[in-house]
Amino acid sequence: MYRRLQLCSNHGGYEAIPEPPGSLDLRAVREVLEREGIPVIDARVMLIASLEPEVTISRAGRLLFKTHDARAAERAFDRLRELLGLPGMETEPSSRTPGG
């Protein structure tokens, strides 16, 4: 399950954090995205996918959407969830402090 999308502490985008922390096979993620025609930069410890908006995907499953538009971040999350088989997002607001 992913925590609700939260504005990062630096206000540069929205993040989705898996709870409990998980592990993604970045090579497999890259293959799926590229097969769908989505350009990907492989930085070894993370991927940068050219979705709208751009998203950084970490090995731990953390997703950082580079936008100030919460709805755009939600749409991108839903697309990644569909493509990669990611778990859903909690529906209740979290009291946790954003980290991005």
N, C-alpha and C. Protein backbone atom coordinates (compact mmCIF):
# COMPACT_ATOMS: atom_id res chain seq x y z
N MET A 1 0.85 -1.17 0.00
CA MET A 1 0.00 0.00 0.00
C MET A 1 0.90 1.24 0.00
N TYR A 2 0.51 2.22 -0.76
CA TYR A 2 1.25 3.49 -0.79
C TYR A 2 0.57 4.50 0.09
N ARG A 3 1.38 5.32 0.76
CA ARG A 3 0.84 6.45 1.50
C ARG A 3 0.21 7.41 0.50
N ARG A 4 -0.70 8.15 0.96
CA ARG A 4 -1.35 9.18 0.16
C ARG A 4 -0.29 10.12 -0.44
N LEU A 5 -0.52 10.62 -1.65
CA LEU A 5 0.42 11.57 -2.26
C LEU A 5 0.56 12.78 -1.35
N GLN A 6 1.80 13.17 -1.14
CA GLN A 6 2.08 14.32 -0.27
C GLN A 6 3.03 15.26 -0.98
N LEU A 7 2.82 16.55 -0.75
CA LEU A 7 3.74 17.54 -1.26
C LEU A 7 5.06 17.38 -0.53
N CYS A 8 6.15 17.35 -1.27
CA CYS A 8 7.48 17.21 -0.66
C CYS A 8 7.81 18.43 0.20
N SER A 9 8.69 18.25 1.13
CA SER A 9 9.07 19.34 2.02
C SER A 9 9.68 20.51 1.28
N ASN A 10 10.32 20.25 0.12
CA ASN A 10 10.91 21.35 -0.65
C ASN A 10 9.91 21.91 -1.66
N HIS A 11 8.68 21.38 -1.65
CA HIS A 11 7.58 21.83 -2.51
C HIS A 11 7.89 21.68 -4.00
N GLY A 12 8.81 20.78 -4.34
CA GLY A 12 9.19 20.58 -5.73
C GLY A 12 8.36 19.54 -6.44
N GLY A 13 7.51 18.84 -5.72
CA GLY A 13 6.70 17.81 -6.34
C GLY A 13 5.94 17.03 -5.30
N TYR A 14 5.30 15.97 -5.76
CA TYR A 14 4.54 15.09 -4.88
C TYR A 14 5.23 13.74 -4.81
N GLU A 15 5.10 13.09 -3.67
CA GLU A 15 5.71 11.78 -3.51
C GLU A 15 4.70 10.76 -3.01
N ALA A 16 4.95 9.52 -3.41
CA ALA A 16 4.19 8.38 -2.91
C ALA A 16 5.22 7.42 -2.32
N ILE A 17 5.00 7.04 -1.08
CA ILE A 17 5.96 6.19 -0.37
C ILE A 17 5.26 4.89 0.02
N PRO A 18 5.86 3.74 -0.34
CA PRO A 18 5.23 2.47 0.03
C PRO A 18 5.33 2.24 1.54
N GLU A 19 4.26 1.68 2.09
CA GLU A 19 4.22 1.39 3.51
C GLU A 19 3.67 -0.02 3.68
N PRO A 20 4.43 -1.00 4.07
CA PRO A 20 5.84 -0.91 4.47
C PRO A 20 6.74 -0.75 3.24
N PRO A 21 7.97 -0.32 3.48
CA PRO A 21 8.91 -0.15 2.36
C PRO A 21 9.02 -1.46 1.58
N GLY A 22 9.15 -1.30 0.29
CA GLY A 22 9.24 -2.48 -0.57
C GLY A 22 10.55 -2.49 -1.33
N SER A 23 10.56 -3.27 -2.38
CA SER A 23 11.74 -3.37 -3.23
C SER A 23 11.27 -3.57 -4.66
N LEU A 24 11.77 -2.73 -5.56
CA LEU A 24 11.42 -2.86 -6.97
C LEU A 24 12.64 -3.32 -7.75
N ASP A 25 12.40 -4.17 -8.72
CA ASP A 25 13.43 -4.59 -9.66
C ASP A 25 13.48 -3.52 -10.74
N LEU A 26 14.41 -2.59 -10.62
CA LEU A 26 14.45 -1.46 -11.53
C LEU A 26 14.68 -1.87 -12.98
N ARG A 27 15.41 -2.95 -13.18
CA ARG A 27 15.62 -3.42 -14.55
C ARG A 27 14.30 -3.85 -15.18
N ALA A 28 13.50 -4.59 -14.42
CA ALA A 28 12.19 -5.02 -14.92
C ALA A 28 11.26 -3.83 -15.12
N VAL A 29 11.30 -2.87 -14.21
CA VAL A 29 10.49 -1.66 -14.34
C VAL A 29 10.87 -0.91 -15.62
N ARG A 30 12.16 -0.75 -15.83
CA ARG A 30 12.64 -0.06 -17.04
C ARG A 30 12.15 -0.77 -18.29
N GLU A 31 12.24 -2.08 -18.32
CA GLU A 31 11.79 -2.84 -19.49
C GLU A 31 10.31 -2.62 -19.78
N VAL A 32 9.49 -2.63 -18.74
CA VAL A 32 8.05 -2.42 -18.93
C VAL A 32 7.80 -1.02 -19.49
N LEU A 33 8.42 -0.02 -18.88
CA LEU A 33 8.19 1.36 -19.32
C LEU A 33 8.66 1.57 -20.75
N GLU A 34 9.83 1.05 -21.08
CA GLU A 34 10.35 1.22 -22.44
C GLU A 34 9.49 0.47 -23.46
N ARG A 35 8.96 -0.67 -23.07
CA ARG A 35 8.07 -1.43 -23.96
C ARG A 35 6.81 -0.62 -24.27
N GLU A 36 6.41 0.23 -23.31
CA GLU A 36 5.24 1.10 -23.50
C GLU A 36 5.61 2.40 -24.21
N GLY A 37 6.88 2.54 -24.61
CA GLY A 37 7.31 3.73 -25.32
C GLY A 37 7.64 4.91 -24.43
N ILE A 38 7.84 4.65 -23.15
CA ILE A 38 8.15 5.71 -22.19
C ILE A 38 9.67 5.80 -22.05
N PRO A 39 10.28 6.93 -22.43
CA PRO A 39 11.73 7.07 -22.27
C PRO A 39 12.12 7.02 -20.79
N VAL A 40 13.23 6.33 -20.51
CA VAL A 40 13.69 6.14 -19.13
C VAL A 40 15.19 6.41 -19.07
N ILE A 41 15.60 7.16 -18.04
CA ILE A 41 17.02 7.32 -17.74
C ILE A 41 17.31 6.40 -16.56
N ASP A 42 18.28 5.51 -16.74
CA ASP A 42 18.65 4.56 -15.70
C ASP A 42 19.87 5.10 -14.96
N ALA A 43 19.66 5.54 -13.73
CA ALA A 43 20.74 6.06 -12.90
C ALA A 43 21.22 5.02 -11.89
N ARG A 44 21.01 3.77 -12.19
CA ARG A 44 21.40 2.61 -11.39
C ARG A 44 20.63 2.47 -10.09
N VAL A 45 20.59 3.47 -9.25
CA VAL A 45 19.86 3.38 -7.98
C VAL A 45 18.45 3.93 -8.10
N MET A 46 18.14 4.52 -9.25
CA MET A 46 16.81 5.05 -9.51
C MET A 46 16.60 5.18 -11.01
N LEU A 47 15.33 5.28 -11.37
CA LEU A 47 14.96 5.52 -12.76
C LEU A 47 14.27 6.86 -12.84
N ILE A 48 14.45 7.54 -13.96
CA ILE A 48 13.72 8.78 -14.22
C ILE A 48 12.91 8.52 -15.48
N ALA A 49 11.60 8.49 -15.32
CA ALA A 49 10.70 8.16 -16.42
C ALA A 49 10.05 9.42 -16.96
N SER A 50 10.05 9.54 -18.26
CA SER A 50 9.48 10.72 -18.93
C SER A 50 7.98 10.55 -19.13
N LEU A 51 7.27 10.48 -18.02
CA LEU A 51 5.81 10.53 -18.06
C LEU A 51 5.42 12.00 -17.96
N GLU A 52 4.14 12.26 -17.98
CA GLU A 52 3.66 13.61 -17.72
C GLU A 52 2.92 13.57 -16.41
N PRO A 53 3.50 14.00 -15.32
CA PRO A 53 4.81 14.63 -15.17
C PRO A 53 5.93 13.60 -15.05
N GLU A 54 7.16 14.10 -15.13
CA GLU A 54 8.33 13.23 -14.95
C GLU A 54 8.28 12.61 -13.55
N VAL A 55 8.72 11.36 -13.46
CA VAL A 55 8.70 10.68 -12.17
C VAL A 55 10.03 9.98 -11.93
N THR A 56 10.51 10.08 -10.70
CA THR A 56 11.70 9.35 -10.27
C THR A 56 11.23 8.15 -9.46
N ILE A 57 11.78 6.98 -9.79
CA ILE A 57 11.38 5.73 -9.16
C ILE A 57 12.60 5.14 -8.46
N SER A 58 12.51 4.93 -7.15
CA SER A 58 13.64 4.39 -6.40
C SER A 58 13.49 2.88 -6.25
N ARG A 59 14.59 2.22 -5.91
CA ARG A 59 14.58 0.78 -5.65
C ARG A 59 13.63 0.41 -4.52
N ALA A 60 13.48 1.31 -3.56
CA ALA A 60 12.60 1.06 -2.42
C ALA A 60 11.13 1.26 -2.77
N GLY A 61 10.85 1.67 -4.02
CA GLY A 61 9.48 1.86 -4.45
C GLY A 61 8.95 3.27 -4.28
N ARG A 62 9.78 4.16 -3.77
CA ARG A 62 9.36 5.55 -3.60
C ARG A 62 9.23 6.21 -4.96
N LEU A 63 8.16 6.98 -5.14
CA LEU A 63 7.89 7.65 -6.41
C LEU A 63 7.83 9.15 -6.17
N LEU A 64 8.57 9.91 -6.95
CA LEU A 64 8.58 11.37 -6.82
C LEU A 64 8.12 11.96 -8.15
N PHE A 65 6.98 12.63 -8.11
CA PHE A 65 6.37 13.24 -9.28
C PHE A 65 6.74 14.71 -9.33
N LYS A 66 7.40 15.13 -10.37
CA LYS A 66 7.91 16.50 -10.46
C LYS A 66 6.86 17.43 -11.05
N THR A 67 5.92 17.80 -10.18
CA THR A 67 4.83 18.70 -10.57
C THR A 67 4.28 19.37 -9.32
N HIS A 68 3.66 20.52 -9.52
CA HIS A 68 2.94 21.19 -8.44
C HIS A 68 1.45 20.87 -8.50
N ASP A 69 1.06 20.07 -9.48
CA ASP A 69 -0.34 19.73 -9.73
C ASP A 69 -0.64 18.34 -9.14
N ALA A 70 -1.39 18.32 -8.04
CA ALA A 70 -1.70 17.06 -7.37
C ALA A 70 -2.46 16.10 -8.28
N ARG A 71 -3.36 16.60 -9.10
CA ARG A 71 -4.12 15.73 -9.99
C ARG A 71 -3.23 15.09 -11.05
N ALA A 72 -2.27 15.85 -11.57
CA ALA A 72 -1.33 15.28 -12.55
C ALA A 72 -0.51 14.17 -11.90
N ALA A 73 -0.10 14.38 -10.65
CA ALA A 73 0.65 13.35 -9.92
C ALA A 73 -0.21 12.10 -9.72
N GLU A 74 -1.48 12.29 -9.38
CA GLU A 74 -2.40 11.16 -9.18
C GLU A 74 -2.59 10.38 -10.48
N ARG A 75 -2.75 11.09 -11.59
CA ARG A 75 -2.91 10.41 -12.88
C ARG A 75 -1.67 9.60 -13.23
N ALA A 76 -0.48 10.18 -12.99
CA ALA A 76 0.77 9.47 -13.27
C ALA A 76 0.91 8.25 -12.35
N PHE A 77 0.54 8.40 -11.08
CA PHE A 77 0.59 7.26 -10.16
C PHE A 77 -0.32 6.14 -10.65
N ASP A 78 -1.54 6.51 -11.05
CA ASP A 78 -2.48 5.49 -11.54
C ASP A 78 -1.94 4.78 -12.77
N ARG A 79 -1.28 5.51 -13.65
CA ARG A 79 -0.71 4.88 -14.85
C ARG A 79 0.40 3.92 -14.46
N LEU A 80 1.30 4.35 -13.56
CA LEU A 80 2.37 3.46 -13.11
C LEU A 80 1.81 2.24 -12.40
N ARG A 81 0.80 2.45 -11.61
CA ARG A 81 0.19 1.34 -10.88
C ARG A 81 -0.35 0.30 -11.86
N GLU A 82 -0.98 0.77 -12.91
CA GLU A 82 -1.53 -0.13 -13.92
C GLU A 82 -0.42 -0.86 -14.67
N LEU A 83 0.61 -0.13 -15.10
CA LEU A 83 1.70 -0.72 -15.88
C LEU A 83 2.56 -1.67 -15.08
N LEU A 84 2.83 -1.32 -13.83
CA LEU A 84 3.80 -2.06 -13.03
C LEU A 84 3.17 -2.97 -11.99
N GLY A 85 1.85 -2.93 -11.86
CA GLY A 85 1.19 -3.77 -10.86
C GLY A 85 1.50 -3.33 -9.44
N LEU A 86 1.63 -2.03 -9.24
CA LEU A 86 1.92 -1.50 -7.90
C LEU A 86 0.68 -1.58 -7.03
N PRO A 87 0.86 -1.64 -5.70
CA PRO A 87 -0.30 -1.65 -4.81
C PRO A 87 -1.01 -0.29 -4.84
N GLY A 88 -2.22 -0.27 -4.32
CA GLY A 88 -3.01 0.96 -4.29
C GLY A 88 -2.50 1.96 -3.26
N MET A 89 -3.23 3.06 -3.17
CA MET A 89 -2.87 4.13 -2.25
C MET A 89 -3.90 4.21 -1.14
N GLU A 90 -3.43 4.49 0.07
CA GLU A 90 -4.36 4.64 1.18
C GLU A 90 -5.31 5.80 0.89
N THR A 91 -6.49 5.74 1.45
CA THR A 91 -7.49 6.76 1.17
C THR A 91 -7.59 7.80 2.27
N GLU A 92 -7.15 7.48 3.45
CA GLU A 92 -7.20 8.44 4.55
C GLU A 92 -5.95 9.28 4.58
N PRO A 93 -6.07 10.59 4.87
CA PRO A 93 -4.87 11.43 4.98
C PRO A 93 -3.95 10.90 6.05
N SER A 94 -2.66 10.99 5.77
CA SER A 94 -1.64 10.52 6.69
C SER A 94 -1.19 11.66 7.58
N SER A 95 -0.82 11.34 8.81
CA SER A 95 -0.31 12.36 9.72
C SER A 95 1.22 12.42 9.66
N ARG A 96 1.81 11.65 8.76
CA ARG A 96 3.26 11.61 8.64
C ARG A 96 3.79 12.89 8.01
N THR A 97 5.03 13.19 8.31
CA THR A 97 5.66 14.37 7.74
C THR A 97 6.21 14.03 6.36
N PRO A 98 5.90 14.87 5.34
CA PRO A 98 6.45 14.62 4.01
C PRO A 98 7.96 14.70 4.03
N GLY A 99 8.61 13.95 3.12
CA GLY A 99 10.07 13.91 3.15
C GLY A 99 10.75 14.46 1.94
N GLY A 100 10.12 14.46 0.74
CA GLY A 100 10.74 14.80 -0.52
C GLY A 100 11.51 16.00 -0.50
